Amino acid sequence: MNQQISSELKPRIIVCLDVDKGRVVKGTNFKQLRDMGDPIELALQYEQQGADELVFLDISASNENRPTALKLVTDIACNLSIPFTVGGGLKKLDDVRAFLDAGADKVALNTTAILQPEIIDQTALAYGSQCVVVAIDVDKDEQQNLGVYINGGRKLTDKVFFDWTKEVADRGAGEILLTAMHKDGTGSGFDTKLTSKVSNQVTVQVIASGGAKNEKHYLDAFQNGADACLAAGMFHSGEYTVGQVKGYLEANGLNIRKV
């Protein structure tokens, strides 16, 4: 049933806003962060450009800045009409509830999903799989082995990558946000081979992330099984608008949501 549903959904373009202390930042391979602007202003800008969804990731999340993060979610919800996902520092079901109550449409779970995988089941049961996004940060070593990372890409876990993607789907996640750390900020394109393997393995939506620099990278990812593509740098830099990417995809035969 899931496969049938996913095949009817149009390819989505998602813009990611990494938030650090209330500001949007961008780095390379998760490092060397640069200030990119105000999250609400950028969110409205991307909505106007035609983004299908937005993802806000609090990359320095802690209990100390939780009230600030919740206020930001409330402010975003008051201004946006497109779906948005919030992630970072969600440790228990009460945290999930707080962010959904504040106006988020979905939550992204990463570190907590690995440390306490039952939170995936709990959230799916309480709110439905459609609002559960499990973010998986994966990197390749010199031998091309795949490692799963947590804590903003800083800590390697003992998870076996393809076992974890299957478990995530089995536990009730509606989407997997697959970030190829070895591609992040490089501009060399999404890891289409990895995206394709995961997409063929699971029946849930797979979001490709990491490495996009031009319109063709999106086309390649969608042609290799991605249900959605997420990027930050190429849009933050102003080199491309979401509308330009959508126009290119439409010209190449993809059925996308109109800007």
Protein backbone atom coordinates (compact mmCIF):
# COMPACT_ATOMS: atom_id res chain seq x y z
CA MET A 1 0.00 0.00 0.00
CA ASN A 2 2.82 2.41 0.87
CA GLN A 3 4.45 1.85 -2.50
CA GLN A 4 1.25 2.68 -4.32
CA ILE A 5 0.81 5.88 -2.34
CA SER A 6 4.40 7.04 -2.89
CA SER A 7 4.19 6.49 -6.64
CA GLU A 8 1.27 8.92 -6.84
CA LEU A 9 3.07 11.73 -5.05
CA LYS A 10 4.84 14.35 -7.12
CA PRO A 11 8.59 14.90 -6.68
CA ARG A 12 9.18 17.50 -3.98
CA ILE A 13 11.83 20.16 -3.60
CA ILE A 14 12.62 20.86 0.04
CA VAL A 15 14.80 23.69 1.30
CA CYS A 16 16.74 23.06 4.50
CA LEU A 17 17.42 25.80 7.02
CA ASP A 18 20.08 24.82 9.55
CA VAL A 19 19.46 27.02 12.58
CA ASP A 20 22.14 27.85 15.13
CA LYS A 21 21.23 30.21 17.99
CA GLY A 22 18.27 31.58 16.04
CA ARG A 23 20.15 32.21 12.78
CA VAL A 24 20.37 30.19 9.56
CA VAL A 25 23.88 28.86 8.91
CA LYS A 26 25.60 26.80 6.23
CA GLY A 27 28.84 24.85 6.22
CA THR A 28 30.80 22.21 4.31
CA ASN A 29 30.84 18.59 5.50
CA PHE A 30 28.94 19.83 8.59
CA LYS A 31 31.80 22.26 9.51
CA GLN A 32 32.91 25.89 8.93
CA LEU A 33 29.50 27.45 9.56
CA ARG A 34 28.59 30.79 7.96
CA ASP A 35 25.65 33.05 8.86
CA MET A 36 23.02 33.05 6.08
CA GLY A 37 20.22 35.14 7.62
CA ASP A 38 16.95 35.23 9.55
CA PRO A 39 14.99 31.95 9.43
CA ILE A 40 11.54 33.48 9.04
CA GLU A 41 12.61 35.88 6.28
CA LEU A 42 14.31 33.05 4.41
CA ALA A 43 11.33 30.73 4.93
CA LEU A 44 8.96 33.24 3.34
CA GLN A 45 11.41 33.83 0.50
CA TYR A 46 11.56 30.11 -0.30
CA GLU A 47 7.81 29.72 -0.06
CA GLN A 48 7.42 32.50 -2.64
CA GLN A 49 9.98 30.77 -4.87
CA GLY A 50 7.82 27.63 -4.90
CA ALA A 51 9.43 25.33 -2.32
CA ASP A 52 7.16 22.38 -1.58
CA GLU A 53 8.34 22.07 2.00
CA LEU A 54 10.90 23.44 4.43
CA VAL A 55 13.02 21.67 7.02
CA PHE A 56 14.37 23.49 10.06
CA LEU A 57 17.19 21.71 11.86
CA ASP A 58 18.40 23.14 15.16
CA ILE A 59 22.01 22.02 14.86
CA SER A 60 23.01 23.22 18.33
CA ALA A 61 19.90 21.99 20.09
CA SER A 62 19.92 21.74 23.86
CA ASN A 63 17.44 22.03 26.69
CA GLU A 64 18.65 25.59 27.29
CA ASN A 65 17.42 26.90 23.94
CA ARG A 66 14.20 24.86 23.78
CA PRO A 67 11.89 27.83 24.65
CA THR A 68 13.57 29.89 21.92
CA ALA A 69 13.18 27.06 19.42
CA LEU A 70 9.49 26.62 20.26
CA LYS A 71 8.87 30.34 19.80
CA LEU A 72 10.59 30.19 16.41
CA VAL A 73 8.34 27.28 15.36
CA THR A 74 5.26 29.24 16.44
CA ASP A 75 6.41 32.31 14.50
CA ILE A 76 7.12 30.21 11.41
CA ALA A 77 3.72 28.50 11.59
CA CYS A 78 2.01 31.87 11.75
CA ASN A 79 3.72 33.03 8.56
CA LEU A 80 4.00 29.91 6.37
CA SER A 81 1.37 28.06 4.36
CA ILE A 82 3.59 25.18 3.16
CA PRO A 83 4.45 22.16 5.32
CA PHE A 84 7.54 22.36 7.48
CA THR A 85 9.54 19.88 9.50
CA VAL A 86 11.48 20.63 12.66
CA GLY A 87 14.36 18.61 14.09
CA GLY A 88 17.16 18.88 16.59
CA GLY A 89 17.26 17.94 20.25
CA LEU A 90 13.97 16.01 20.37
CA LYS A 91 14.60 13.46 23.13
CA LYS A 92 11.19 12.15 24.11
CA LEU A 93 7.56 12.03 23.01
CA ASP A 94 6.76 15.15 25.08
CA ASP A 95 9.28 17.09 22.98
CA VAL A 96 7.63 15.85 19.78
CA ARG A 97 4.23 16.86 21.12
CA ALA A 98 5.48 20.34 22.03
CA PHE A 99 6.81 21.06 18.55
CA LEU A 100 3.74 19.68 16.78
CA ASP A 101 1.52 21.70 19.12
CA ALA A 102 3.60 24.78 18.29
CA GLY A 103 2.71 24.34 14.62
CA ALA A 104 5.25 22.02 13.01
CA ASP A 105 3.77 19.60 10.46
CA LYS A 106 6.46 16.95 10.95
CA VAL A 107 9.36 16.20 13.25
CA ALA A 108 12.79 14.94 12.22
CA LEU A 109 14.41 12.42 14.56
CA ASN A 110 18.08 11.53 14.29
CA THR A 111 20.26 11.05 17.38
CA THR A 112 17.32 10.13 19.60
CA ALA A 113 16.03 7.66 17.01
CA ILE A 114 19.29 5.73 17.29
CA LEU A 115 19.63 5.97 21.06
CA GLN A 116 15.93 5.28 21.71
CA PRO A 117 14.47 3.75 18.55
CA GLU A 118 11.12 3.14 20.26
CA ILE A 119 10.43 6.88 19.88
CA ILE A 120 9.82 6.21 16.18
CA ASP A 121 7.07 3.71 17.01
CA GLN A 122 5.64 5.97 19.73
CA THR A 123 5.46 9.03 17.49
CA ALA A 124 3.98 7.09 14.57
CA LEU A 125 1.36 5.57 16.86
CA ALA A 126 0.46 8.88 18.49
CA TYR A 127 0.48 11.17 15.46
CA GLY A 128 0.70 9.00 12.34
CA SER A 129 3.63 7.98 10.17
CA GLN A 130 3.10 10.99 7.90
CA CYS A 131 4.63 13.31 10.50
CA VAL A 132 7.65 11.12 11.35
CA VAL A 133 10.85 11.86 9.44
CA VAL A 134 13.93 9.91 10.49
CA ALA A 135 17.11 11.69 9.46
CA ILE A 136 20.06 9.43 8.73
CA ASP A 137 23.51 10.98 8.39
CA VAL A 138 25.79 8.59 6.52
CA ASP A 139 29.45 8.93 5.58
CA LYS A 140 31.93 6.84 3.63
CA ASP A 141 35.42 6.00 4.87
CA GLU A 142 38.47 5.46 2.66
CA GLN A 143 37.39 1.85 2.07
CA GLN A 144 33.91 3.06 1.00
CA ASN A 145 32.30 1.56 4.10
CA LEU A 146 29.09 3.30 5.17
CA GLY A 147 28.98 4.70 8.70
CA VAL A 148 25.90 6.10 10.46
CA TYR A 149 26.56 9.24 12.50
CA ILE A 150 24.75 11.15 15.25
CA ASN A 151 25.24 14.40 17.18
CA GLY A 152 25.27 16.55 14.06
CA GLY A 153 27.62 14.24 12.20
CA ARG A 154 30.24 14.24 14.95
CA LYS A 155 29.87 10.74 16.42
CA LEU A 156 30.07 7.41 14.58
CA THR A 157 27.60 4.76 15.77
CA ASP A 158 27.73 0.97 15.49
CA LYS A 159 24.62 0.87 13.31
CA VAL A 160 24.81 -1.13 10.09
CA PHE A 161 23.50 1.30 7.49
CA PHE A 162 21.07 -0.85 5.48
CA ASP A 163 19.86 -2.63 8.62
CA TRP A 164 19.06 0.76 10.12
CA THR A 165 17.19 2.10 7.08
CA LYS A 166 15.02 -1.04 7.10
CA GLU A 167 14.41 -0.83 10.84
CA VAL A 168 13.41 2.83 10.59
CA ALA A 169 10.81 2.01 7.94
CA ASP A 170 9.55 -1.03 9.84
CA ARG A 171 9.10 1.02 13.01
CA GLY A 172 6.72 3.42 11.27
CA ALA A 173 8.67 6.34 9.88
CA GLY A 174 6.90 7.99 6.98
CA GLU A 175 10.07 9.39 5.44
CA ILE A 176 13.82 8.88 5.55
CA LEU A 177 15.92 12.03 5.20
CA LEU A 178 19.12 10.56 3.80
CA THR A 179 22.05 12.95 4.12
CA ALA A 180 25.28 11.85 2.46
CA MET A 181 27.87 13.59 4.61
CA HIS A 182 30.58 12.84 2.05
CA LYS A 183 28.58 14.94 -0.42
CA ASP A 184 27.45 17.73 1.92
CA GLY A 185 28.50 21.16 0.66
CA THR A 186 30.71 19.75 -2.09
CA GLY A 187 28.50 20.63 -5.05
CA SER A 188 29.24 17.25 -6.66
CA GLY A 189 25.60 16.10 -6.74
CA PHE A 190 23.48 13.82 -4.61
CA ASP A 191 24.67 10.27 -3.90
CA THR A 192 22.26 8.79 -6.44
CA LYS A 193 23.52 5.22 -6.11
CA LEU A 194 22.92 5.20 -2.37
CA THR A 195 19.56 6.91 -2.73
CA SER A 196 18.50 4.33 -5.30
CA LYS A 197 19.50 1.41 -3.08
CA VAL A 198 17.57 2.76 -0.11
CA SER A 199 14.55 3.63 -2.25
CA ASN A 200 14.45 0.07 -3.60
CA GLN A 201 14.84 -1.36 -0.11
CA VAL A 202 12.02 0.47 1.70
CA THR A 203 8.46 1.45 0.82
CA VAL A 204 8.56 4.84 2.56
CA GLN A 205 9.48 8.17 1.03
CA VAL A 206 13.21 8.83 0.65
CA ILE A 207 14.57 12.38 0.68
CA ALA A 208 17.99 12.83 -0.93
CA SER A 209 20.25 15.34 0.78
CA GLY A 210 23.84 16.50 0.42
CA GLY A 211 25.79 17.73 -2.60
CA ALA A 212 23.34 19.58 -4.85
CA LYS A 213 24.71 22.46 -6.91
CA ASN A 214 22.60 22.63 -10.08
CA GLU A 215 19.30 21.59 -11.64
CA LYS A 216 20.68 18.42 -13.22
CA HIS A 217 21.61 17.06 -9.81
CA TYR A 218 17.90 17.13 -8.93
CA LEU A 219 16.92 15.42 -12.14
CA ASP A 220 19.53 12.70 -11.56
CA ALA A 221 18.27 12.09 -8.03
CA PHE A 222 14.61 11.88 -9.05
CA GLN A 223 15.48 9.53 -11.90
CA ASN A 224 17.28 7.31 -9.38
CA GLY A 225 14.39 6.84 -6.99
CA ALA A 226 14.39 9.91 -4.75
CA ASP A 227 10.88 11.00 -3.73
CA ALA A 228 12.13 14.42 -2.68
CA CYS A 229 15.39 16.36 -2.78
CA LEU A 230 16.63 18.65 -0.07
CA ALA A 231 19.25 21.36 -0.42
CA ALA A 232 20.47 24.45 1.33
CA GLY A 233 23.66 26.00 -0.04
CA MET A 234 22.69 26.32 -3.70
CA PHE A 235 19.57 28.25 -2.72
CA HIS A 236 21.13 30.27 0.12
CA SER A 237 23.89 31.43 -2.23
CA GLY A 238 21.32 32.84 -4.65
CA GLU A 239 22.80 30.94 -7.60
CA TYR A 240 19.47 29.22 -8.19
CA THR A 241 15.88 29.75 -7.15
CA VAL A 242 13.48 26.91 -6.46
CA GLY A 243 11.44 28.10 -9.42
CA GLN A 244 14.39 27.73 -11.78
CA VAL A 245 14.97 24.16 -10.64
CA LYS A 246 11.29 23.31 -11.02
CA GLY A 247 11.25 24.81 -14.51
CA TYR A 248 14.20 22.64 -15.50
CA LEU A 249 12.59 19.50 -14.08
CA GLU A 250 9.32 20.20 -15.86
CA ALA A 251 11.15 20.82 -19.14
CA ASN A 252 12.73 17.39 -18.70
CA GLY A 253 9.42 15.60 -18.28
CA LEU A 254 8.90 15.50 -14.53
CA ASN A 255 5.41 16.07 -13.17
CA ILE A 256 6.00 18.58 -10.40
CA ARG A 257 3.92 20.95 -8.34
CA LYS A 258 3.55 24.29 -10.09
CA VAL A 259 5.28 27.34 -8.66
